[in-house]
C-alpha atoms as a PDB file:
ATOM      1  CA  MET A   1       0.131   0.334  -0.136  1.00  0.00           C
ATOM      2  CA  ALA A   2       2.698   2.476   1.036  1.00  0.00           C
ATOM      3  CA  LEU A   3       4.359   2.021  -2.275  1.00  0.00           C
ATOM      4  CA  ASN A   4       1.303   2.185  -4.280  1.00  0.00           C
ATOM      5  CA  ILE A   5       1.010   6.094  -2.976  1.00  0.00           C
ATOM      6  CA  ALA A   6       4.805   6.338  -3.619  1.00  0.00           C
ATOM      7  CA  GLU A   7       4.289   5.738  -6.449  1.00  0.00           C
ATOM      8  CA  GLY A   8       1.445   7.752  -7.069  1.00  0.00           C
ATOM      9  CA  ALA A   9       2.732  10.749  -5.826  1.00  0.00           C
ATOM     10  CA  GLY A  10       4.930  11.260  -8.130  1.00  0.00           C
ATOM     11  CA  GLN A  11       2.894  11.346 -11.331  1.00  0.00           C
ATOM     12  CA  VAL A  12       2.174  13.968 -12.758  1.00  0.00           C
ATOM     13  CA  SER A  13      -1.922  14.751 -12.622  1.00  0.00           C
ATOM     14  CA  ARG A  14      -4.016  14.929 -10.003  1.00  0.00           C
ATOM     15  CA  LYS A  15      -6.215  11.952 -11.630  1.00  0.00           C
ATOM     16  CA  GLN A  16      -2.999   9.842 -11.707  1.00  0.00           C
ATOM     17  CA  PHE A  17      -2.636   9.941  -7.975  1.00  0.00           C
ATOM     18  CA  VAL A  18      -5.999   8.815  -7.074  1.00  0.00           C
ATOM     19  CA  ARG A  19      -5.803   6.487  -9.675  1.00  0.00           C
ATOM     20  CA  TYR A  20      -2.627   4.536  -7.523  1.00  0.00           C
ATOM     21  CA  LEU A  21      -4.389   5.694  -3.978  1.00  0.00           C
ATOM     22  CA  ASP A  22      -7.598   3.760  -5.550  1.00  0.00           C
ATOM     23  CA  ILE A  23      -4.426   0.823  -6.082  1.00  0.00           C
ATOM     24  CA  ALA A  24      -3.687   1.414  -2.690  1.00  0.00           C
ATOM     25  CA  LEU A  25      -7.376   0.865  -0.687  1.00  0.00           C
ATOM     26  CA  GLY A  26      -7.736  -2.856  -3.387  1.00  0.00           C
ATOM     27  CA  SER A  27      -3.986  -3.906  -1.030  1.00  0.00           C
ATOM     28  CA  LEU A  28      -5.958  -3.139   1.955  1.00  0.00           C
ATOM     29  CA  ASP A  29      -9.048  -4.617   0.929  1.00  0.00           C
ATOM     30  CA  GLU A  30      -6.580  -7.382   0.524  1.00  0.00           C
ATOM     31  CA  LEU A  31      -5.073  -7.505   3.825  1.00  0.00           C
ATOM     32  CA  GLN A  32      -8.363  -7.844   5.573  1.00  0.00           C
ATOM     33  CA  GLY A  33      -8.259 -11.262   3.592  1.00  0.00           C
ATOM     34  CA  VAL A  34      -5.106 -12.016   4.359  1.00  0.00           C
ATOM     35  CA  LEU A  35      -5.902 -11.379   8.012  1.00  0.00           C
ATOM     36  CA  GLU A  36      -9.085 -13.140   8.240  1.00  0.00           C
ATOM     37  CA  LEU A  37      -6.551 -16.182   7.004  1.00  0.00           C
ATOM     38  CA  ALA A  38      -3.869 -15.759   9.490  1.00  0.00           C
ATOM     39  CA  ASP A  39      -6.743 -16.112  11.686  1.00  0.00           C
ATOM     40  CA  ALA A  40      -8.554 -18.706  10.799  1.00  0.00           C
ATOM     41  CA  MET A  41      -4.611 -20.456  10.360  1.00  0.00           C
ATOM     42  CA  GLY A  42      -4.803 -19.950  14.110  1.00  0.00           C
ATOM     43  CA  TYR A  43      -1.728 -17.610  13.657  1.00  0.00           C
ATOM     44  CA  LEU A  44      -2.934 -14.704  15.244  1.00  0.00           C
ATOM     45  CA  SER A  45      -4.025 -14.100  19.120  1.00  0.00           C
ATOM     46  CA  GLY A  46      -6.651 -11.946  19.876  1.00  0.00           C
ATOM     47  CA  ALA A  47      -5.077  -8.700  20.389  1.00  0.00           C
ATOM     48  CA  THR A  48      -3.213  -8.831  18.033  1.00  0.00           C
ATOM     49  CA  LEU A  49      -5.435  -9.440  15.558  1.00  0.00           C
ATOM     50  CA  GLU A  50      -7.555  -7.067  16.280  1.00  0.00           C
ATOM     51  CA  GLU A  51      -5.008  -4.723  16.649  1.00  0.00           C
ATOM     52  CA  LEU A  52      -4.268  -5.142  12.979  1.00  0.00           C
ATOM     53  CA  ARG A  53      -7.504  -4.976  12.035  1.00  0.00           C
ATOM     54  CA  LYS A  54      -7.832  -1.575  14.094  1.00  0.00           C
ATOM     55  CA  SER A  55      -4.977  -0.236  11.833  1.00  0.00           C
ATOM     56  CA  ARG A  56      -5.850  -1.589   8.465  1.00  0.00           C
ATOM     57  CA  LEU A  57      -9.455   0.374   9.096  1.00  0.00           C
ATOM     58  CA  HIS A  58      -7.822   3.419   9.774  1.00  0.00           C
ATOM     59  CA  CYS A  59      -5.295   3.551   7.090  1.00  0.00           C
ATOM     60  CA  VAL A  60      -8.899   2.812   4.676  1.00  0.00           C
ATOM     61  CA  ARG A  61      -9.992   5.542   6.687  1.00  0.00           C
ATOM     62  CA  LEU A  62      -7.078   8.450   6.052  1.00  0.00           C
ATOM     63  CA  VAL A  63      -6.554   7.020   2.363  1.00  0.00           C
ATOM     64  CA  ALA A  64     -10.158   7.384   1.549  1.00  0.00           C
ATOM     65  CA  ALA A  65     -10.724  10.760   2.487  1.00  0.00           C
ATOM     66  CA  LEU A  66      -7.335  12.025   0.797  1.00  0.00           C
ATOM     67  CA  VAL A  67      -8.866  10.606  -2.699  1.00  0.00           C
ATOM     68  CA  ARG A  68     -12.348  12.240  -1.498  1.00  0.00           C
ATOM     69  CA  ARG A  69     -10.449  15.330  -1.460  1.00  0.00           C
ATOM     70  CA  LEU A  70      -8.460  15.204  -4.086  1.00  0.00           C
ATOM     71  CA  ARG A  71     -11.593  14.253  -6.792  1.00  0.00           C
ATOM     72  CA  GLU A  72     -13.267  17.748  -5.122  1.00  0.00           C
ATOM     73  CA  PRO A  73     -12.640  20.457  -8.137  1.00  0.00           C
ATOM     74  CA  GLU A  74      -9.842  22.522  -7.735  1.00  0.00           C
END
């Protein structure tokens, strides 16, 4: 996700940057799937899993807010 944002920040246009942010949001969705898999396989304790889920959700909110802001007319 961080690499998508970094790559997008280097783009020429706002539209291109938003595209990379959308990809970052997709990566965060994938992470949710990985967390569910790790939970089902017993790789994470309940507390660790909950902390990771909260962190992922916080990142989703931050990136989504940035996308909304960038989609506003200049």
